[in-house]
Amino acid sequence: MACRECVSGALHEGTPVGKVETVHGLPTYISEPPSGQNPKGIIVIIPDALGWTFNNNRILADTYATRTNSRVYLPEFMAGNAMPVSMLANMDTLTGNGWMIGKILPLVRIIASFPPFLIYNRFAVTKPRVYKFFHDLRANEAASLPVGAAGFCWGGKYVFLLCSDSEKAANGKSLVDCGFTAHPSNLAIPADAQNVNLPLSVAVGDVDFVMLLAQVQQTKAILEEKGKDKDMHEVVIIPGAKHGFAVRAHPDDKKGVEQGLQAEEQAVRWFTKWFEKASK
């Protein structure tokens, strides 16, 4: 799904500190743990509609790497077909105060951007690309390291699927050890929740335009019932949080920033917990 909330928010300031290399055939932003630290695991970010070059996503990768002592990969899963970052400014103009005539061009640009994104990033095209990366990862540098998947908006669907554990790597291991997703989209509820078998943490708002509250509550009930004996699943519903809050909150929106930090804390805690368990 791509909707107005998928391109709403702000571009965050800051300079990413990672590097770009080709990893398992895909251009990938890589952020390493603090100097001198061996990675405790590998986190793969499957991003929102703004893709792997979006500054916010790279800064988040750096944060995860530092706070979890992990190597973080942010691959180009969209083959150059992410939504342009300029959509944030267009959406601000469209939804802000101002003359209607000044909103015509931003509206045209937004409408024109959605069809290519949906066509080139449809499930049948991107699933093989995403799964090949995880297969190659598990067969190589993650053969003896735990793997976590972090997905946002567009990427959230893949975290649910990877945590279903329906495909195994060539070495017989699960493709991931755990997953975290914030404001996921494109979910088929209840099926995607019922199929989850690996540790999964979900952060979502109660006013999410994409994942409606009834779906959120149903997902929470299914996952927490499935994982109650091993504390394997959690759904944290954040009051007032809108779609995109974990990566695109406006810096001058104090509440939005706090909600984004809450999702960050949730992800860091989850990956730390399950990487430690997987290493024992």
Protein backbone atom coordinates (compact mmCIF):
# COMPACT_ATOMS: atom_id res chain seq x y z
CA MET A 1 0.00 0.00 0.00
CA ALA A 2 1.06 3.58 -0.62
CA CYS A 3 -1.04 6.42 0.80
CA ARG A 4 -0.74 10.01 1.94
CA GLU A 5 0.60 8.89 5.33
CA CYS A 6 3.39 6.95 3.58
CA VAL A 7 4.91 10.21 2.33
CA SER A 8 4.07 12.48 5.26
CA GLY A 9 6.60 13.68 7.80
CA ALA A 10 9.99 15.33 7.80
CA LEU A 11 13.52 14.82 6.56
CA HIS A 12 15.76 14.55 9.62
CA GLU A 13 19.01 16.44 9.88
CA GLY A 14 22.24 14.62 10.55
CA THR A 15 25.02 12.96 8.62
CA PRO A 16 25.01 9.16 8.34
CA VAL A 17 28.34 7.64 9.35
CA GLY A 18 28.15 4.31 7.53
CA LYS A 19 29.38 3.25 4.12
CA VAL A 20 27.86 1.97 0.89
CA GLU A 21 28.97 -1.32 -0.61
CA THR A 22 27.46 -4.09 -2.69
CA VAL A 23 26.25 -6.89 -0.41
CA HIS A 24 24.84 -10.08 -1.89
CA GLY A 25 24.25 -8.33 -5.19
CA LEU A 26 22.48 -5.24 -3.83
CA PRO A 27 23.79 -1.73 -3.10
CA THR A 28 23.64 -1.57 0.68
CA TYR A 29 24.16 1.06 3.35
CA ILE A 30 26.23 -0.55 6.13
CA SER A 31 26.61 0.70 9.68
CA GLU A 32 29.02 -1.05 12.01
CA PRO A 33 29.01 -1.34 15.82
CA PRO A 34 31.24 1.01 17.82
CA SER A 35 34.94 0.75 17.10
CA GLY A 36 36.57 -2.34 18.53
CA GLN A 37 33.27 -4.15 19.10
CA ASN A 38 32.53 -7.46 17.42
CA PRO A 39 28.96 -7.49 16.13
CA LYS A 40 26.51 -9.35 18.32
CA GLY A 41 24.28 -9.89 15.32
CA ILE A 42 23.14 -8.47 12.00
CA ILE A 43 20.05 -6.32 11.59
CA VAL A 44 18.57 -5.88 8.12
CA ILE A 45 16.30 -2.87 7.65
CA ILE A 46 13.52 -3.26 5.10
CA PRO A 47 12.52 0.39 4.72
CA ASP A 48 9.44 2.45 4.14
CA ALA A 49 8.43 3.77 0.72
CA LEU A 50 11.23 6.34 0.73
CA GLY A 51 13.83 3.61 0.44
CA TRP A 52 17.45 2.97 1.29
CA THR A 53 18.85 6.44 0.48
CA PHE A 54 16.39 8.29 2.73
CA ASN A 55 18.49 10.09 5.34
CA ASN A 56 16.16 9.16 8.21
CA ASN A 57 16.53 5.46 7.45
CA ARG A 58 20.32 5.68 7.37
CA ILE A 59 20.46 7.61 10.63
CA LEU A 60 18.23 4.95 12.20
CA ALA A 61 20.60 2.25 10.92
CA ASP A 62 23.48 4.05 12.63
CA THR A 63 21.48 4.25 15.86
CA TYR A 64 20.67 0.54 15.82
CA ALA A 65 24.31 -0.34 15.13
CA THR A 66 25.56 1.73 18.05
CA ARG A 67 22.88 0.81 20.55
CA THR A 68 22.76 -2.95 19.85
CA ASN A 69 26.43 -3.48 18.98
CA SER A 70 25.29 -4.98 15.69
CA ARG A 71 26.12 -4.66 12.03
CA VAL A 72 23.18 -3.08 10.24
CA TYR A 73 22.38 -3.51 6.56
CA LEU A 74 19.98 -1.22 4.69
CA PRO A 75 19.79 -2.76 1.20
CA GLU A 76 18.33 -1.36 -2.00
CA PHE A 77 15.36 -3.69 -2.24
CA MET A 78 13.42 -1.35 -4.56
CA ALA A 79 15.81 -1.30 -7.54
CA GLY A 80 15.75 2.49 -7.80
CA ASN A 81 11.98 2.78 -7.52
CA ALA A 82 11.51 4.29 -4.07
CA MET A 83 9.23 7.27 -3.64
CA PRO A 84 11.21 10.52 -4.06
CA VAL A 85 12.02 12.36 -0.84
CA SER A 86 10.52 15.49 -2.43
CA MET A 87 7.13 13.91 -1.71
CA LEU A 88 7.51 15.01 1.93
CA ALA A 89 7.59 18.67 0.91
CA ASN A 90 4.77 18.15 -1.58
CA MET A 91 2.59 16.58 1.09
CA ASP A 92 3.38 19.38 3.54
CA THR A 93 2.23 21.91 0.96
CA LEU A 94 -0.88 19.92 0.11
CA THR A 95 -2.01 19.49 3.71
CA GLY A 96 -0.88 22.86 5.02
CA ASN A 97 -2.45 26.28 4.98
CA GLY A 98 -2.26 28.21 1.76
CA TRP A 99 -4.01 29.03 -1.47
CA MET A 100 -5.62 26.12 -3.29
CA ILE A 101 -3.92 27.07 -6.55
CA GLY A 102 -0.54 26.54 -4.91
CA LYS A 103 -1.51 22.98 -4.06
CA ILE A 104 -2.30 21.84 -7.60
CA LEU A 105 1.26 21.05 -8.68
CA PRO A 106 2.18 19.17 -5.45
CA LEU A 107 -1.04 17.16 -5.82
CA VAL A 108 -0.18 16.24 -9.41
CA ARG A 109 3.33 15.19 -8.39
CA ILE A 110 2.04 13.02 -5.55
CA ILE A 111 -0.58 11.33 -7.70
CA ALA A 112 1.98 10.69 -10.45
CA SER A 113 4.44 9.06 -8.02
CA PHE A 114 2.16 6.38 -6.60
CA PRO A 115 1.51 4.17 -9.67
CA PRO A 116 5.20 3.57 -10.53
CA PHE A 117 5.98 2.78 -6.90
CA LEU A 118 3.15 0.29 -6.66
CA ILE A 119 3.97 -1.36 -9.98
CA TYR A 120 7.72 -1.70 -9.58
CA ASN A 121 7.55 -2.68 -5.90
CA ARG A 122 4.67 -5.11 -6.08
CA PHE A 123 5.02 -8.26 -4.04
CA ALA A 124 5.76 -10.60 -6.96
CA VAL A 125 8.73 -8.45 -7.98
CA THR A 126 10.31 -7.63 -4.64
CA LYS A 127 9.76 -10.81 -2.62
CA PRO A 128 12.39 -12.83 -4.55
CA ARG A 129 14.86 -9.96 -4.13
CA VAL A 130 14.28 -9.69 -0.38
CA TYR A 131 14.37 -13.42 0.25
CA LYS A 132 17.51 -13.97 -1.84
CA PHE A 133 19.31 -11.40 0.28
CA PHE A 134 18.37 -13.20 3.50
CA HIS A 135 19.26 -16.61 2.05
CA ASP A 136 22.69 -15.33 0.99
CA LEU A 137 23.20 -13.57 4.31
CA ARG A 138 22.47 -16.70 6.35
CA ALA A 139 24.74 -18.80 4.14
CA ASN A 140 27.66 -16.43 4.59
CA GLU A 141 28.45 -13.86 7.29
CA ALA A 142 25.39 -14.72 9.38
CA ALA A 143 25.98 -18.46 9.39
CA SER A 144 27.02 -18.15 13.04
CA LEU A 145 25.49 -14.79 13.96
CA PRO A 146 21.86 -14.04 14.85
CA VAL A 147 19.84 -12.08 12.30
CA GLY A 148 17.08 -9.59 12.96
CA ALA A 149 14.76 -7.94 10.45
CA ALA A 150 13.42 -4.43 11.03
CA GLY A 151 10.64 -3.27 8.74
CA PHE A 152 8.77 0.01 8.43
CA CYS A 153 5.57 0.64 6.48
CA TRP A 154 6.26 -1.15 3.14
CA GLY A 155 8.92 -3.29 4.82
CA GLY A 156 6.69 -4.41 7.67
CA LYS A 157 4.93 -7.06 5.59
CA TYR A 158 8.26 -8.78 4.94
CA VAL A 159 9.09 -8.90 8.64
CA PHE A 160 5.84 -10.72 9.31
CA LEU A 161 6.57 -13.15 6.47
CA LEU A 162 10.16 -13.79 7.54
CA CYS A 163 8.96 -14.44 11.08
CA SER A 164 6.58 -17.08 9.78
CA ASP A 165 9.70 -19.21 9.28
CA SER A 166 8.16 -20.74 6.16
CA GLU A 167 11.50 -20.86 4.33
CA LYS A 168 14.77 -22.21 5.67
CA ALA A 169 18.30 -21.36 4.60
CA ALA A 170 20.42 -23.96 2.84
CA ASN A 171 22.12 -24.73 6.17
CA GLY A 172 18.72 -25.53 7.72
CA LYS A 173 18.57 -22.39 9.85
CA SER A 174 15.76 -19.89 9.94
CA LEU A 175 16.39 -16.87 7.72
CA VAL A 176 15.94 -14.62 10.77
CA ASP A 177 16.02 -15.10 14.52
CA CYS A 178 13.63 -12.27 15.32
CA GLY A 179 11.83 -9.30 13.84
CA PHE A 180 10.64 -5.82 14.70
CA THR A 181 8.22 -3.69 12.72
CA ALA A 182 6.66 -0.28 13.19
CA HIS A 183 3.48 0.84 11.39
CA PRO A 184 3.48 -2.08 8.93
CA SER A 185 1.36 -1.99 5.78
CA ASN A 186 -0.06 -4.51 3.29
CA LEU A 187 -0.79 -7.06 6.00
CA ALA A 188 -3.42 -9.76 5.50
CA ILE A 189 -4.94 -10.02 8.96
CA PRO A 190 -5.59 -12.46 10.55
CA ALA A 191 -3.51 -14.79 8.33
CA ASP A 192 -0.17 -12.95 8.55
CA ALA A 193 -0.41 -12.80 12.34
CA GLN A 194 -1.52 -16.42 12.67
CA ASN A 195 1.46 -17.58 10.60
CA VAL A 196 4.10 -15.93 12.79
CA ASN A 197 6.33 -18.47 14.55
CA LEU A 198 9.47 -16.53 15.42
CA PRO A 199 9.91 -13.69 17.94
CA LEU A 200 8.19 -10.56 16.63
CA SER A 201 7.68 -7.13 18.14
CA VAL A 202 5.24 -4.62 16.63
CA ALA A 203 4.94 -0.90 17.35
CA VAL A 204 1.85 0.82 15.97
CA GLY A 205 -0.35 3.78 16.75
CA ASP A 206 -4.01 3.73 17.59
CA VAL A 207 -4.77 6.27 14.86
CA ASP A 208 -2.79 4.62 12.08
CA PHE A 209 -4.43 5.42 8.74
CA VAL A 210 -3.11 2.21 7.15
CA MET A 211 -3.47 -0.38 9.90
CA LEU A 212 -6.79 0.43 11.51
CA LEU A 213 -7.30 -0.02 15.24
CA ALA A 214 -9.53 -3.07 14.82
CA GLN A 215 -6.73 -4.81 12.87
CA VAL A 216 -4.18 -3.71 15.44
CA GLN A 217 -6.20 -5.14 18.29
CA GLN A 218 -6.83 -8.38 16.40
CA THR A 219 -3.12 -8.73 15.63
CA LYS A 220 -2.24 -8.06 19.26
CA ALA A 221 -4.67 -10.71 20.51
CA ILE A 222 -3.40 -13.34 18.06
CA LEU A 223 0.31 -12.75 18.56
CA GLU A 224 0.29 -12.41 22.31
CA GLU A 225 -1.83 -15.55 22.69
CA LYS A 226 0.56 -17.48 20.43
CA GLY A 227 3.64 -16.31 22.29
CA LYS A 228 2.41 -16.04 25.88
CA ASP A 229 4.41 -19.02 27.15
CA LYS A 230 7.75 -17.84 25.78
CA ASP A 231 7.16 -14.09 25.67
CA MET A 232 7.93 -14.32 21.96
CA HIS A 233 5.52 -11.75 20.60
CA GLU A 234 4.39 -8.28 21.54
CA VAL A 235 2.25 -5.54 20.03
CA VAL A 236 2.74 -2.12 21.61
CA ILE A 237 -0.07 0.30 20.76
CA ILE A 238 1.14 3.88 21.11
CA PRO A 239 -1.66 6.39 21.80
CA GLY A 240 -1.90 9.13 19.20
CA ALA A 241 0.89 7.76 17.01
CA LYS A 242 0.27 8.19 13.28
CA HIS A 243 1.53 6.07 10.40
CA GLY A 244 5.24 6.76 9.88
CA PHE A 245 5.96 7.96 13.42
CA ALA A 246 9.00 5.70 13.90
CA VAL A 247 11.01 7.25 11.06
CA ARG A 248 9.47 10.52 9.87
CA ALA A 249 8.32 12.55 12.88
CA HIS A 250 8.67 16.33 12.49
CA PRO A 251 11.49 17.55 14.78
CA ASP A 252 9.23 20.32 16.08
CA ASP A 253 6.51 17.82 16.98
CA LYS A 254 7.56 16.97 20.53
CA LYS A 255 4.98 14.23 20.95
CA GLY A 256 5.85 12.70 17.57
CA VAL A 257 9.54 12.70 18.40
CA GLU A 258 8.83 10.99 21.73
CA GLN A 259 6.77 8.35 19.96
CA GLY A 260 9.62 7.72 17.52
CA LEU A 261 12.06 7.35 20.38
CA GLN A 262 9.68 4.93 22.09
CA ALA A 263 9.70 2.74 18.97
CA GLU A 264 13.49 2.96 18.87
CA GLU A 265 13.73 1.81 22.49
CA GLN A 266 11.36 -1.05 21.76
CA ALA A 267 13.42 -2.23 18.80
CA VAL A 268 16.75 -1.95 20.62
CA ARG A 269 15.42 -3.88 23.60
CA TRP A 270 13.93 -6.57 21.37
CA PHE A 271 17.04 -7.16 19.25
CA THR A 272 19.29 -7.11 22.31
CA LYS A 273 17.12 -9.66 24.08
CA TRP A 274 16.83 -12.13 21.22
CA PHE A 275 20.40 -11.79 19.99
CA GLU A 276 21.56 -12.73 23.47
CA LYS A 277 19.22 -15.73 23.55
CA ALA A 278 20.32 -16.87 20.09
CA SER A 279 23.99 -16.67 21.08
CA LYS A 280 23.65 -18.96 24.09
